[in-house]
């Protein structure tokens, strides 16, 4: 798959919106087991909420990890809500998040194992920069 050889990747994800809802972008960085970036995504996703952008970033990251034939994914995000909902500790009450949550669960089922961890914003700078870059002058 990549230089790691163990088919494990780390996915850093972030979503950003200017206003809530407002113009939104996603940022994704996927590193191999040696910490070498394999994929970087910066995409404008239209007008939506920050939480939807966080989910869309994760979905993009999981699709890219599957394309890389990853067997294990370590997900890193500064969104506490995303982490706790994926872990099943928080209910997904928002109607606009439910289908995205379902898609995340279906994508995660394609990996033999995964971990999702909340990290401080300072440790998520690369994904954050990509999400904000997608917003450009919006």
C-alpha atoms as a PDB file:
ATOM      1  CA  UNK A   1       0.000   0.000   0.000  1.00  0.00           C
ATOM      2  CA  UNK A   2       2.556   2.587   1.113  1.00  0.00           C
ATOM      3  CA  UNK A   3       5.859   2.974   2.876  1.00  0.00           C
ATOM      4  CA  UNK A   4       4.332   1.755   6.127  1.00  0.00           C
ATOM      5  CA  UNK A   5       3.775  -1.745   4.863  1.00  0.00           C
ATOM      6  CA  UNK A   6       1.346  -2.479   7.689  1.00  0.00           C
ATOM      7  CA  UNK A   7      -1.673  -0.968   5.901  1.00  0.00           C
ATOM      8  CA  UNK A   8      -2.300   1.469   8.733  1.00  0.00           C
ATOM      9  CA  UNK A   9      -2.957   5.160   8.090  1.00  0.00           C
ATOM     10  CA  UNK A  10      -3.647   8.200  10.222  1.00  0.00           C
ATOM     11  CA  UNK A  11      -6.385  10.508   8.958  1.00  0.00           C
ATOM     12  CA  UNK A  12      -6.490  14.119  10.145  1.00  0.00           C
ATOM     13  CA  UNK A  13      -9.821  15.781   9.330  1.00  0.00           C
ATOM     14  CA  UNK A  14     -11.284  19.237   9.785  1.00  0.00           C
ATOM     15  CA  UNK A  15     -14.301  21.140   8.584  1.00  0.00           C
ATOM     16  CA  UNK A  16     -14.715  24.897   8.565  1.00  0.00           C
ATOM     17  CA  UNK A  17     -17.630  27.214   7.898  1.00  0.00           C
ATOM     18  CA  UNK A  18     -17.793  30.980   7.808  1.00  0.00           C
ATOM     19  CA  UNK A  19     -21.047  31.428   9.640  1.00  0.00           C
ATOM     20  CA  UNK A  20     -23.119  28.501  10.856  1.00  0.00           C
ATOM     21  CA  UNK A  21     -24.431  27.767   8.286  1.00  0.00           C
ATOM     22  CA  UNK A  22     -22.208  29.528   5.786  1.00  0.00           C
ATOM     23  CA  UNK A  23     -19.608  28.850   3.107  1.00  0.00           C
ATOM     24  CA  UNK A  24     -17.833  25.650   4.155  1.00  0.00           C
ATOM     25  CA  UNK A  25     -14.682  23.728   3.347  1.00  0.00           C
ATOM     26  CA  UNK A  26     -12.995  20.490   4.343  1.00  0.00           C
ATOM     27  CA  UNK A  27      -9.394  19.558   4.968  1.00  0.00           C
ATOM     28  CA  UNK A  28      -7.977  16.040   5.079  1.00  0.00           C
ATOM     29  CA  UNK A  29      -4.415  14.771   5.538  1.00  0.00           C
ATOM     30  CA  UNK A  30      -3.684  11.048   5.391  1.00  0.00           C
ATOM     31  CA  UNK A  31      -0.311   9.843   6.635  1.00  0.00           C
ATOM     32  CA  UNK A  32       1.185   6.398   6.259  1.00  0.00           C
ATOM     33  CA  UNK A  33       2.517   4.456   9.243  1.00  0.00           C
ATOM     34  CA  UNK A  34       5.782   6.411   9.048  1.00  0.00           C
ATOM     35  CA  UNK A  35       4.009   9.772   9.253  1.00  0.00           C
ATOM     36  CA  UNK A  36       4.561  10.591   5.575  1.00  0.00           C
ATOM     37  CA  UNK A  37       1.595  12.391   3.981  1.00  0.00           C
ATOM     38  CA  UNK A  38       0.003  10.255   1.247  1.00  0.00           C
ATOM     39  CA  UNK A  39      -3.098  12.337   0.505  1.00  0.00           C
ATOM     40  CA  UNK A  40      -4.074  15.968   1.077  1.00  0.00           C
ATOM     41  CA  UNK A  41      -7.558  17.262   0.301  1.00  0.00           C
ATOM     42  CA  UNK A  42      -8.815  20.833   0.374  1.00  0.00           C
ATOM     43  CA  UNK A  43     -12.358  21.217  -0.990  1.00  0.00           C
ATOM     44  CA  UNK A  44     -15.125  23.786  -0.928  1.00  0.00           C
ATOM     45  CA  UNK A  45     -18.431  22.025  -0.157  1.00  0.00           C
ATOM     46  CA  UNK A  46     -20.939  24.871  -0.464  1.00  0.00           C
ATOM     47  CA  UNK A  47     -23.055  26.422   2.266  1.00  0.00           C
ATOM     48  CA  UNK A  48     -23.558  24.269   5.337  1.00  0.00           C
ATOM     49  CA  UNK A  49     -22.887  24.024   9.069  1.00  0.00           C
ATOM     50  CA  UNK A  50     -19.542  23.374  10.725  1.00  0.00           C
ATOM     51  CA  UNK A  51     -20.707  19.967  12.001  1.00  0.00           C
ATOM     52  CA  UNK A  52     -21.780  18.871   8.506  1.00  0.00           C
ATOM     53  CA  UNK A  53     -18.360  20.002   7.226  1.00  0.00           C
ATOM     54  CA  UNK A  54     -16.637  17.898   9.922  1.00  0.00           C
ATOM     55  CA  UNK A  55     -18.604  14.823   8.836  1.00  0.00           C
ATOM     56  CA  UNK A  56     -17.960  15.483   5.142  1.00  0.00           C
ATOM     57  CA  UNK A  57     -14.219  15.733   5.874  1.00  0.00           C
ATOM     58  CA  UNK A  58     -14.291  12.391   7.684  1.00  0.00           C
ATOM     59  CA  UNK A  59     -16.240  10.734   4.858  1.00  0.00           C
ATOM     60  CA  UNK A  60     -13.698  12.029   2.339  1.00  0.00           C
ATOM     61  CA  UNK A  61     -10.825  10.774   4.491  1.00  0.00           C
ATOM     62  CA  UNK A  62     -12.356   7.320   4.890  1.00  0.00           C
ATOM     63  CA  UNK A  63     -12.984   7.027   1.139  1.00  0.00           C
ATOM     64  CA  UNK A  64      -9.365   7.985   0.444  1.00  0.00           C
ATOM     65  CA  UNK A  65      -8.089   5.498   3.053  1.00  0.00           C
ATOM     66  CA  UNK A  66     -10.152   2.748   1.394  1.00  0.00           C
ATOM     67  CA  UNK A  67      -8.675   3.741  -1.976  1.00  0.00           C
ATOM     68  CA  UNK A  68      -5.217   3.341  -0.397  1.00  0.00           C
ATOM     69  CA  UNK A  69      -6.308  -0.149   0.747  1.00  0.00           C
ATOM     70  CA  UNK A  70      -5.773   0.715   4.406  1.00  0.00           C
ATOM     71  CA  UNK A  71      -6.702  -2.021   6.885  1.00  0.00           C
ATOM     72  CA  UNK A  72      -6.585   0.144  10.010  1.00  0.00           C
ATOM     73  CA  UNK A  73      -7.421   3.850  10.271  1.00  0.00           C
ATOM     74  CA  UNK A  74      -6.480   6.156  13.131  1.00  0.00           C
ATOM     75  CA  UNK A  75      -8.772   9.175  12.884  1.00  0.00           C
ATOM     76  CA  UNK A  76      -7.682  12.458  14.465  1.00  0.00           C
ATOM     77  CA  UNK A  77     -10.061  15.423  14.745  1.00  0.00           C
ATOM     78  CA  UNK A  78     -10.539  18.476  16.919  1.00  0.00           C
ATOM     79  CA  UNK A  79     -14.340  17.963  16.825  1.00  0.00           C
ATOM     80  CA  UNK A  80     -15.418  16.499  20.169  1.00  0.00           C
ATOM     81  CA  UNK A  81     -18.958  16.054  18.811  1.00  0.00           C
ATOM     82  CA  UNK A  82     -17.744  13.960  15.871  1.00  0.00           C
ATOM     83  CA  UNK A  83     -15.600  11.745  18.110  1.00  0.00           C
ATOM     84  CA  UNK A  84     -18.331  11.126  20.673  1.00  0.00           C
ATOM     85  CA  UNK A  85     -21.035  10.458  18.071  1.00  0.00           C
ATOM     86  CA  UNK A  86     -18.850   7.985  16.153  1.00  0.00           C
ATOM     87  CA  UNK A  87     -17.957   6.248  19.430  1.00  0.00           C
ATOM     88  CA  UNK A  88     -21.660   6.013  20.264  1.00  0.00           C
ATOM     89  CA  UNK A  89     -21.392   8.153  23.396  1.00  0.00           C
ATOM     90  CA  UNK A  90     -23.569  10.964  21.998  1.00  0.00           C
ATOM     91  CA  UNK A  91     -26.818  10.493  20.116  1.00  0.00           C
ATOM     92  CA  UNK A  92     -27.069  11.980  16.638  1.00  0.00           C
ATOM     93  CA  UNK A  93     -30.054  14.255  17.160  1.00  0.00           C
ATOM     94  CA  UNK A  94     -29.590  16.566  14.177  1.00  0.00           C
ATOM     95  CA  UNK A  95     -31.558  15.407  11.144  1.00  0.00           C
ATOM     96  CA  UNK A  96     -28.964  16.766   8.739  1.00  0.00           C
ATOM     97  CA  UNK A  97     -26.184  14.782  10.485  1.00  0.00           C
ATOM     98  CA  UNK A  98     -27.983  11.411  10.634  1.00  0.00           C
ATOM     99  CA  UNK A  99     -27.386  10.386   6.992  1.00  0.00           C
ATOM    100  CA  UNK A 100     -23.755  11.486   7.248  1.00  0.00           C
ATOM    101  CA  UNK A 101     -23.329   9.519  10.472  1.00  0.00           C
ATOM    102  CA  UNK A 102     -24.822   6.442   8.729  1.00  0.00           C
ATOM    103  CA  UNK A 103     -22.378   6.859   5.847  1.00  0.00           C
ATOM    104  CA  UNK A 104     -19.452   7.106   8.270  1.00  0.00           C
ATOM    105  CA  UNK A 105     -20.565   3.914  10.034  1.00  0.00           C
ATOM    106  CA  UNK A 106     -20.883   2.086   6.684  1.00  0.00           C
ATOM    107  CA  UNK A 107     -17.433   3.253   5.575  1.00  0.00           C
ATOM    108  CA  UNK A 108     -15.876   2.281   8.920  1.00  0.00           C
ATOM    109  CA  UNK A 109     -17.369  -1.207   8.557  1.00  0.00           C
ATOM    110  CA  UNK A 110     -15.075  -1.636   5.535  1.00  0.00           C
ATOM    111  CA  UNK A 111     -11.986  -1.509   7.756  1.00  0.00           C
ATOM    112  CA  UNK A 112     -11.033  -4.401  10.062  1.00  0.00           C
ATOM    113  CA  UNK A 113     -10.180  -1.871  12.782  1.00  0.00           C
ATOM    114  CA  UNK A 114     -10.243   1.841  13.503  1.00  0.00           C
ATOM    115  CA  UNK A 115      -9.671   4.348  16.279  1.00  0.00           C
ATOM    116  CA  UNK A 116     -11.005   7.871  16.577  1.00  0.00           C
ATOM    117  CA  UNK A 117      -9.346  10.371  18.886  1.00  0.00           C
ATOM    118  CA  UNK A 118     -10.084  13.968  19.848  1.00  0.00           C
ATOM    119  CA  UNK A 119      -6.966  16.108  19.517  1.00  0.00           C
ATOM    120  CA  UNK A 120      -6.323  19.776  20.349  1.00  0.00           C
ATOM    121  CA  UNK A 121      -6.691  22.193  17.430  1.00  0.00           C
ATOM    122  CA  UNK A 122      -2.910  22.830  17.556  1.00  0.00           C
ATOM    123  CA  UNK A 123      -2.291  19.193  16.593  1.00  0.00           C
ATOM    124  CA  UNK A 124      -4.703  19.475  13.658  1.00  0.00           C
ATOM    125  CA  UNK A 125      -3.130  22.498  11.966  1.00  0.00           C
ATOM    126  CA  UNK A 126      -2.502  20.877   8.571  1.00  0.00           C
ATOM    127  CA  UNK A 127      -6.125  19.745   8.097  1.00  0.00           C
ATOM    128  CA  UNK A 128      -7.385  23.059   9.500  1.00  0.00           C
ATOM    129  CA  UNK A 129      -5.223  25.013   7.028  1.00  0.00           C
ATOM    130  CA  UNK A 130      -6.576  22.920   4.124  1.00  0.00           C
ATOM    131  CA  UNK A 131     -10.197  23.464   5.238  1.00  0.00           C
ATOM    132  CA  UNK A 132      -9.648  27.216   5.469  1.00  0.00           C
ATOM    133  CA  UNK A 133      -7.734  27.287   2.168  1.00  0.00           C
ATOM    134  CA  UNK A 134     -10.840  25.784   0.517  1.00  0.00           C
ATOM    135  CA  UNK A 135     -12.812  28.801   1.669  1.00  0.00           C
ATOM    136  CA  UNK A 136     -10.416  31.184  -0.052  1.00  0.00           C
ATOM    137  CA  UNK A 137     -11.842  34.691   0.101  1.00  0.00           C
ATOM    138  CA  UNK A 138     -15.364  33.467   0.904  1.00  0.00           C
END
